[in-house]
């Protein structure tokens, strides 16, 4: 969508603690992210149970907003 052009897109690929979970590149392919033009996005491997990936996502958002 043109009106979302300047919005950040953050994808949290959760359940990365489970064997066989999708990789970030598989998630990008399934979501069609390679088709996005001039759009800032990032995929983060996360596990809510083990508690990783969320801080990194928030740090990326903060850094991107402050650019």
N, C-alpha and C. Protein backbone atom coordinates (compact mmCIF):
# COMPACT_ATOMS: atom_id res chain seq x y z
N UNK A 1 0.82 -1.18 0.00
CA UNK A 1 0.00 0.00 0.00
C UNK A 1 0.87 1.25 0.00
N UNK A 2 0.54 2.19 -0.85
CA UNK A 2 1.32 3.42 -0.95
C UNK A 2 1.31 4.21 0.35
N UNK A 3 0.18 4.22 1.05
CA UNK A 3 0.09 5.01 2.28
C UNK A 3 0.94 4.43 3.41
N UNK A 4 1.39 3.21 3.27
CA UNK A 4 2.24 2.59 4.28
C UNK A 4 3.72 2.62 3.89
N UNK A 5 4.04 3.32 2.82
CA UNK A 5 5.39 3.34 2.27
C UNK A 5 6.46 3.66 3.31
N UNK A 6 6.20 4.61 4.20
CA UNK A 6 7.21 5.03 5.16
C UNK A 6 7.15 4.27 6.49
N UNK A 7 6.26 3.31 6.59
CA UNK A 7 6.13 2.55 7.84
C UNK A 7 7.14 1.40 7.87
N UNK A 8 7.64 1.14 9.05
CA UNK A 8 8.51 -0.01 9.24
C UNK A 8 7.66 -1.28 9.27
N UNK A 9 8.26 -2.36 8.82
CA UNK A 9 7.60 -3.66 8.90
C UNK A 9 8.51 -4.58 9.70
N UNK A 10 7.99 -5.07 10.80
CA UNK A 10 8.74 -5.99 11.66
C UNK A 10 7.98 -7.30 11.70
N UNK A 11 8.68 -8.37 11.40
CA UNK A 11 8.09 -9.70 11.45
C UNK A 11 8.79 -10.47 12.56
N UNK A 12 8.01 -10.95 13.51
CA UNK A 12 8.55 -11.77 14.59
C UNK A 12 8.26 -13.23 14.25
N UNK A 13 9.31 -13.92 13.83
CA UNK A 13 9.18 -15.34 13.48
C UNK A 13 9.31 -16.14 14.77
N UNK A 14 8.19 -16.33 15.44
CA UNK A 14 8.16 -16.95 16.76
C UNK A 14 8.31 -18.47 16.66
N UNK A 15 8.47 -19.07 17.81
CA UNK A 15 8.60 -20.52 17.98
C UNK A 15 9.89 -21.05 17.35
N UNK A 16 10.92 -20.22 17.33
CA UNK A 16 12.20 -20.64 16.77
C UNK A 16 12.91 -21.66 17.65
N UNK A 17 12.37 -21.90 18.84
CA UNK A 17 12.92 -22.92 19.73
C UNK A 17 12.44 -24.32 19.34
N UNK A 18 11.51 -24.39 18.39
CA UNK A 18 10.96 -25.68 17.96
C UNK A 18 11.68 -26.14 16.69
N UNK A 19 12.16 -27.38 16.73
CA UNK A 19 12.85 -27.94 15.57
C UNK A 19 11.91 -27.96 14.36
N UNK A 20 12.43 -27.55 13.23
CA UNK A 20 11.65 -27.54 12.00
C UNK A 20 10.88 -26.26 11.76
N UNK A 21 11.07 -25.27 12.64
CA UNK A 21 10.38 -23.99 12.41
C UNK A 21 10.95 -23.32 11.17
N UNK A 22 10.16 -22.46 10.57
CA UNK A 22 10.59 -21.78 9.34
C UNK A 22 11.76 -20.85 9.62
N UNK A 23 12.68 -20.79 8.69
CA UNK A 23 13.78 -19.84 8.78
C UNK A 23 13.28 -18.46 8.37
N UNK A 24 14.03 -17.41 8.74
CA UNK A 24 13.63 -16.08 8.29
C UNK A 24 13.49 -15.96 6.77
N UNK A 25 14.36 -16.61 6.03
CA UNK A 25 14.25 -16.53 4.56
C UNK A 25 13.00 -17.25 4.06
N UNK A 26 12.61 -18.34 4.71
CA UNK A 26 11.36 -19.02 4.34
C UNK A 26 10.15 -18.14 4.67
N UNK A 27 10.20 -17.47 5.82
CA UNK A 27 9.11 -16.56 6.20
C UNK A 27 9.00 -15.45 5.16
N UNK A 28 10.14 -14.86 4.79
CA UNK A 28 10.14 -13.78 3.79
C UNK A 28 9.54 -14.25 2.47
N UNK A 29 9.90 -15.46 2.06
CA UNK A 29 9.37 -16.00 0.81
C UNK A 29 7.86 -16.19 0.89
N UNK A 30 7.39 -16.79 1.98
CA UNK A 30 5.96 -17.05 2.13
C UNK A 30 5.14 -15.77 2.24
N UNK A 31 5.73 -14.73 2.81
CA UNK A 31 5.03 -13.45 2.93
C UNK A 31 5.20 -12.55 1.70
N UNK A 32 6.07 -12.98 0.79
CA UNK A 32 6.31 -12.18 -0.42
C UNK A 32 7.07 -10.90 -0.15
N UNK A 33 7.91 -10.90 0.88
CA UNK A 33 8.62 -9.68 1.25
C UNK A 33 9.64 -9.26 0.20
N UNK A 34 10.10 -10.20 -0.61
CA UNK A 34 11.05 -9.85 -1.67
C UNK A 34 10.41 -8.93 -2.72
N UNK A 35 9.09 -8.88 -2.74
CA UNK A 35 8.38 -8.00 -3.68
C UNK A 35 8.26 -6.57 -3.20
N UNK A 36 8.58 -6.33 -1.94
CA UNK A 36 8.47 -4.97 -1.40
C UNK A 36 9.57 -4.09 -1.98
N UNK A 37 9.19 -2.93 -2.41
CA UNK A 37 10.15 -1.97 -2.96
C UNK A 37 10.21 -0.76 -2.04
N UNK A 38 11.41 -0.29 -1.78
CA UNK A 38 11.61 0.91 -0.96
C UNK A 38 10.89 0.81 0.38
N UNK A 39 11.01 -0.33 1.01
CA UNK A 39 10.33 -0.56 2.30
C UNK A 39 11.33 -1.13 3.29
N UNK A 40 11.40 -0.54 4.46
CA UNK A 40 12.30 -1.03 5.50
C UNK A 40 11.59 -2.13 6.29
N UNK A 41 12.18 -3.31 6.26
CA UNK A 41 11.62 -4.41 7.04
C UNK A 41 12.74 -5.28 7.58
N UNK A 42 12.40 -6.02 8.60
CA UNK A 42 13.35 -6.94 9.21
C UNK A 42 12.56 -8.09 9.81
N UNK A 43 13.15 -9.27 9.72
CA UNK A 43 12.56 -10.47 10.32
C UNK A 43 13.44 -10.87 11.49
N UNK A 44 12.81 -11.12 12.62
CA UNK A 44 13.55 -11.53 13.81
C UNK A 44 13.12 -12.92 14.23
N UNK A 45 14.13 -13.76 14.47
CA UNK A 45 13.87 -15.08 15.02
C UNK A 45 13.56 -14.88 16.50
N UNK A 46 12.39 -15.34 16.95
CA UNK A 46 12.02 -15.15 18.34
C UNK A 46 11.52 -16.44 18.97
N UNK A 47 11.59 -16.44 20.28
CA UNK A 47 10.98 -17.50 21.08
C UNK A 47 10.43 -16.82 22.33
N UNK A 48 9.13 -16.73 22.41
CA UNK A 48 8.51 -16.11 23.58
C UNK A 48 8.79 -16.93 24.84
N UNK A 49 8.81 -18.24 24.70
CA UNK A 49 9.05 -19.10 25.86
C UNK A 49 10.48 -18.95 26.37
N UNK A 50 11.44 -18.94 25.46
CA UNK A 50 12.84 -18.82 25.87
C UNK A 50 13.28 -17.37 26.01
N UNK A 51 12.47 -16.45 25.51
CA UNK A 51 12.73 -15.03 25.72
C UNK A 51 13.82 -14.43 24.87
N UNK A 52 14.00 -14.91 23.66
CA UNK A 52 15.00 -14.25 22.81
C UNK A 52 14.37 -13.68 21.56
N UNK A 53 15.05 -12.66 21.03
CA UNK A 53 14.63 -12.03 19.79
C UNK A 53 13.79 -10.78 19.97
N UNK A 54 13.05 -10.68 21.05
CA UNK A 54 12.17 -9.53 21.24
C UNK A 54 12.95 -8.25 21.50
N UNK A 55 13.97 -8.32 22.34
CA UNK A 55 14.79 -7.13 22.61
C UNK A 55 15.48 -6.64 21.34
N UNK A 56 15.98 -7.57 20.55
CA UNK A 56 16.64 -7.20 19.30
C UNK A 56 15.67 -6.49 18.37
N UNK A 57 14.45 -6.97 18.31
CA UNK A 57 13.43 -6.34 17.47
C UNK A 57 13.15 -4.92 17.94
N UNK A 58 13.00 -4.74 19.23
CA UNK A 58 12.73 -3.41 19.77
C UNK A 58 13.91 -2.47 19.53
N UNK A 59 15.13 -2.97 19.66
CA UNK A 59 16.32 -2.16 19.40
C UNK A 59 16.37 -1.73 17.94
N UNK A 60 16.01 -2.64 17.03
CA UNK A 60 16.01 -2.30 15.61
C UNK A 60 14.98 -1.23 15.32
N UNK A 61 13.78 -1.39 15.88
CA UNK A 61 12.73 -0.38 15.68
C UNK A 61 13.21 0.98 16.18
N UNK A 62 13.79 1.00 17.36
CA UNK A 62 14.28 2.26 17.94
C UNK A 62 15.33 2.89 17.03
N UNK A 63 16.27 2.10 16.57
CA UNK A 63 17.34 2.62 15.69
C UNK A 63 16.77 3.14 14.38
N UNK A 64 15.82 2.42 13.80
CA UNK A 64 15.24 2.84 12.52
C UNK A 64 14.43 4.12 12.66
N UNK A 65 13.71 4.25 13.75
CA UNK A 65 12.91 5.46 13.98
C UNK A 65 13.81 6.67 14.14
N UNK A 66 14.97 6.46 14.74
CA UNK A 66 15.88 7.57 15.01
C UNK A 66 16.83 7.89 13.86
N UNK A 67 16.67 7.26 12.73
CA UNK A 67 17.51 7.56 11.56
C UNK A 67 17.09 8.86 10.93
